[in-house]
């Protein structure tokens, strides 16, 4: 059996007349009471309204995250990254009489182009030219 009872209640935020009384029927009054009870329970459970960030706030938050991350990458990222977990890729060879950089390069890395190997030998030993002497120790790349 439906009740014809009319209840007066305030609907803050539901109408343009905040705080004014509005006549509602019993079903609407129950719905409003249930809604308020649910809001109160959610508030008591610790659920707050979500944080809303402005465009400026999002930019500041992004900077607060990205600047320390970029700093850590700059400080720790570039040092020794290639050397981690790799075996030494050079060895030392003593130049014998009659040897040239070409023959040393072919012996050191037979599968590679000797010109590339000679370039690496010059870089490793800080050679300006191609002159080597018998008995000289030369650092050469290995075939790895």
Protein backbone atom coordinates (compact mmCIF):
# COMPACT_ATOMS: atom_id res chain seq x y z
CA UNK A 1 0.00 0.00 0.00
CA UNK A 2 1.48 3.29 -1.08
CA UNK A 3 1.70 6.10 1.40
CA UNK A 4 0.47 9.55 0.48
CA UNK A 5 2.57 11.23 3.14
CA UNK A 6 4.36 14.37 2.02
CA UNK A 7 7.63 15.29 3.70
CA UNK A 8 9.49 18.61 3.63
CA UNK A 9 13.23 18.25 3.14
CA UNK A 10 16.16 20.38 2.07
CA UNK A 11 18.03 19.51 -1.06
CA UNK A 12 21.35 21.27 -0.85
CA UNK A 13 22.99 21.19 -4.25
CA UNK A 14 19.99 19.64 -6.06
CA UNK A 15 18.30 22.91 -6.93
CA UNK A 16 19.27 26.50 -7.50
CA UNK A 17 17.59 27.47 -4.22
CA UNK A 18 20.13 26.04 -1.80
CA UNK A 19 18.82 25.49 1.68
CA UNK A 20 15.17 26.07 0.77
CA UNK A 21 12.47 23.60 1.60
CA UNK A 22 10.85 21.55 -1.13
CA UNK A 23 7.91 19.23 -0.80
CA UNK A 24 8.66 15.63 -1.76
CA UNK A 25 6.71 12.44 -1.44
CA UNK A 26 7.73 9.56 0.87
CA UNK A 27 9.58 7.60 -1.82
CA UNK A 28 11.72 10.60 -2.76
CA UNK A 29 12.40 11.34 0.93
CA UNK A 30 13.53 7.72 1.44
CA UNK A 31 15.79 7.92 -1.63
CA UNK A 32 17.36 11.14 -0.32
CA UNK A 33 17.88 9.60 3.12
CA UNK A 34 19.48 6.48 1.58
CA UNK A 35 21.77 8.64 -0.53
CA UNK A 36 22.89 10.69 2.48
CA UNK A 37 23.45 7.52 4.51
CA UNK A 38 25.64 6.08 1.73
CA UNK A 39 27.62 9.32 1.57
CA UNK A 40 28.13 9.26 5.33
CA UNK A 41 29.25 5.61 5.29
CA UNK A 42 31.70 6.27 2.46
CA UNK A 43 33.13 9.25 4.33
CA UNK A 44 33.49 7.18 7.50
CA UNK A 45 35.22 4.40 5.54
CA UNK A 46 37.88 6.88 4.43
CA UNK A 47 36.80 7.40 0.84
CA UNK A 48 37.33 11.02 0.03
CA UNK A 49 36.54 12.79 -3.15
CA UNK A 50 39.23 12.23 -5.78
CA UNK A 51 41.96 14.82 -6.20
CA UNK A 52 41.48 16.95 -9.28
CA UNK A 53 44.64 18.32 -10.86
CA UNK A 54 44.74 21.39 -13.02
CA UNK A 55 46.93 21.60 -16.11
CA UNK A 56 49.55 23.44 -14.06
CA UNK A 57 49.36 20.81 -11.31
CA UNK A 58 49.90 17.99 -13.82
CA UNK A 59 52.95 19.79 -15.20
CA UNK A 60 54.42 20.28 -11.73
CA UNK A 61 53.78 16.63 -10.86
CA UNK A 62 55.43 15.50 -14.11
CA UNK A 63 58.47 17.64 -13.35
CA UNK A 64 58.69 16.28 -9.81
CA UNK A 65 58.84 12.77 -11.24
CA UNK A 66 60.91 13.31 -14.38
CA UNK A 67 63.69 15.54 -13.02
CA UNK A 68 64.94 13.05 -10.38
CA UNK A 69 64.56 10.19 -12.86
CA UNK A 70 66.58 12.02 -15.53
CA UNK A 71 69.22 12.94 -12.95
CA UNK A 72 69.59 9.31 -11.84
CA UNK A 73 69.88 8.14 -15.44
CA UNK A 74 72.50 10.80 -16.16
CA UNK A 75 74.52 9.95 -13.05
CA UNK A 76 74.34 6.17 -13.18
CA UNK A 77 73.29 5.26 -16.70
CA UNK A 78 76.34 6.02 -18.80
CA UNK A 79 79.19 4.78 -16.63
CA UNK A 80 80.30 1.24 -17.29
CA UNK A 81 77.12 0.13 -19.01
CA UNK A 82 79.02 -1.68 -21.78
CA UNK A 83 81.43 -3.39 -19.40
CA UNK A 84 78.84 -5.08 -17.21
CA UNK A 85 79.02 -8.84 -17.63
CA UNK A 86 81.41 -8.84 -20.58
CA UNK A 87 84.80 -10.51 -20.84
CA UNK A 88 87.91 -8.54 -21.77
CA UNK A 89 88.01 -8.00 -25.51
CA UNK A 90 91.72 -7.21 -25.92
CA UNK A 91 95.04 -8.98 -25.56
CA UNK A 92 98.67 -7.90 -25.74
CA UNK A 93 100.92 -9.08 -28.56
CA UNK A 94 104.71 -8.60 -28.84
CA UNK A 95 105.72 -7.52 -32.34
CA UNK A 96 108.10 -9.95 -34.07
CA UNK A 97 110.63 -9.00 -36.74
CA UNK A 98 108.95 -8.55 -40.13
CA UNK A 99 105.42 -8.10 -38.78
CA UNK A 100 103.22 -5.19 -39.81
CA UNK A 101 99.98 -3.89 -38.43
CA UNK A 102 98.23 -5.63 -41.34
CA UNK A 103 99.59 -9.08 -40.42
CA UNK A 104 98.90 -8.52 -36.71
CA UNK A 105 95.32 -7.47 -37.53
CA UNK A 106 94.77 -10.56 -39.71
CA UNK A 107 96.12 -12.83 -36.98
CA UNK A 108 94.17 -11.16 -34.15
CA UNK A 109 90.74 -11.18 -35.81
CA UNK A 110 90.82 -13.38 -38.93
CA UNK A 111 87.08 -13.01 -39.65
CA UNK A 112 87.05 -9.18 -39.64
CA UNK A 113 88.20 -6.66 -42.21
CA UNK A 114 91.92 -5.94 -41.46
CA UNK A 115 91.40 -2.20 -42.07
CA UNK A 116 88.82 -2.01 -39.27
CA UNK A 117 91.07 -4.02 -36.96
CA UNK A 118 94.06 -1.76 -37.73
CA UNK A 119 91.90 1.27 -36.89
CA UNK A 120 90.97 -0.30 -33.53
CA UNK A 121 94.64 -1.18 -32.82
CA UNK A 122 95.63 2.44 -33.48
CA UNK A 123 92.92 3.67 -31.13
CA UNK A 124 93.81 1.23 -28.35
CA UNK A 125 97.52 2.08 -28.48
CA UNK A 126 97.20 5.78 -29.32
CA UNK A 127 99.28 5.38 -32.49
CA UNK A 128 99.51 8.38 -34.81
CA UNK A 129 100.98 6.37 -37.68
CA UNK A 130 101.50 2.76 -38.72
CA UNK A 131 105.11 2.36 -37.58
CA UNK A 132 105.80 -0.46 -35.11
CA UNK A 133 109.09 -1.89 -33.90
CA UNK A 134 110.11 -5.50 -33.13
CA UNK A 135 109.75 -6.24 -29.40
CA UNK A 136 107.07 -3.58 -28.96
CA UNK A 137 103.97 -4.62 -26.97
CA UNK A 138 100.77 -3.85 -28.87
CA UNK A 139 97.22 -4.11 -27.54
CA UNK A 140 94.97 -5.85 -30.11
CA UNK A 141 91.27 -6.68 -30.10
CA UNK A 142 90.31 -10.34 -29.85
CA UNK A 143 88.02 -12.25 -32.16
CA UNK A 144 84.99 -12.14 -29.78
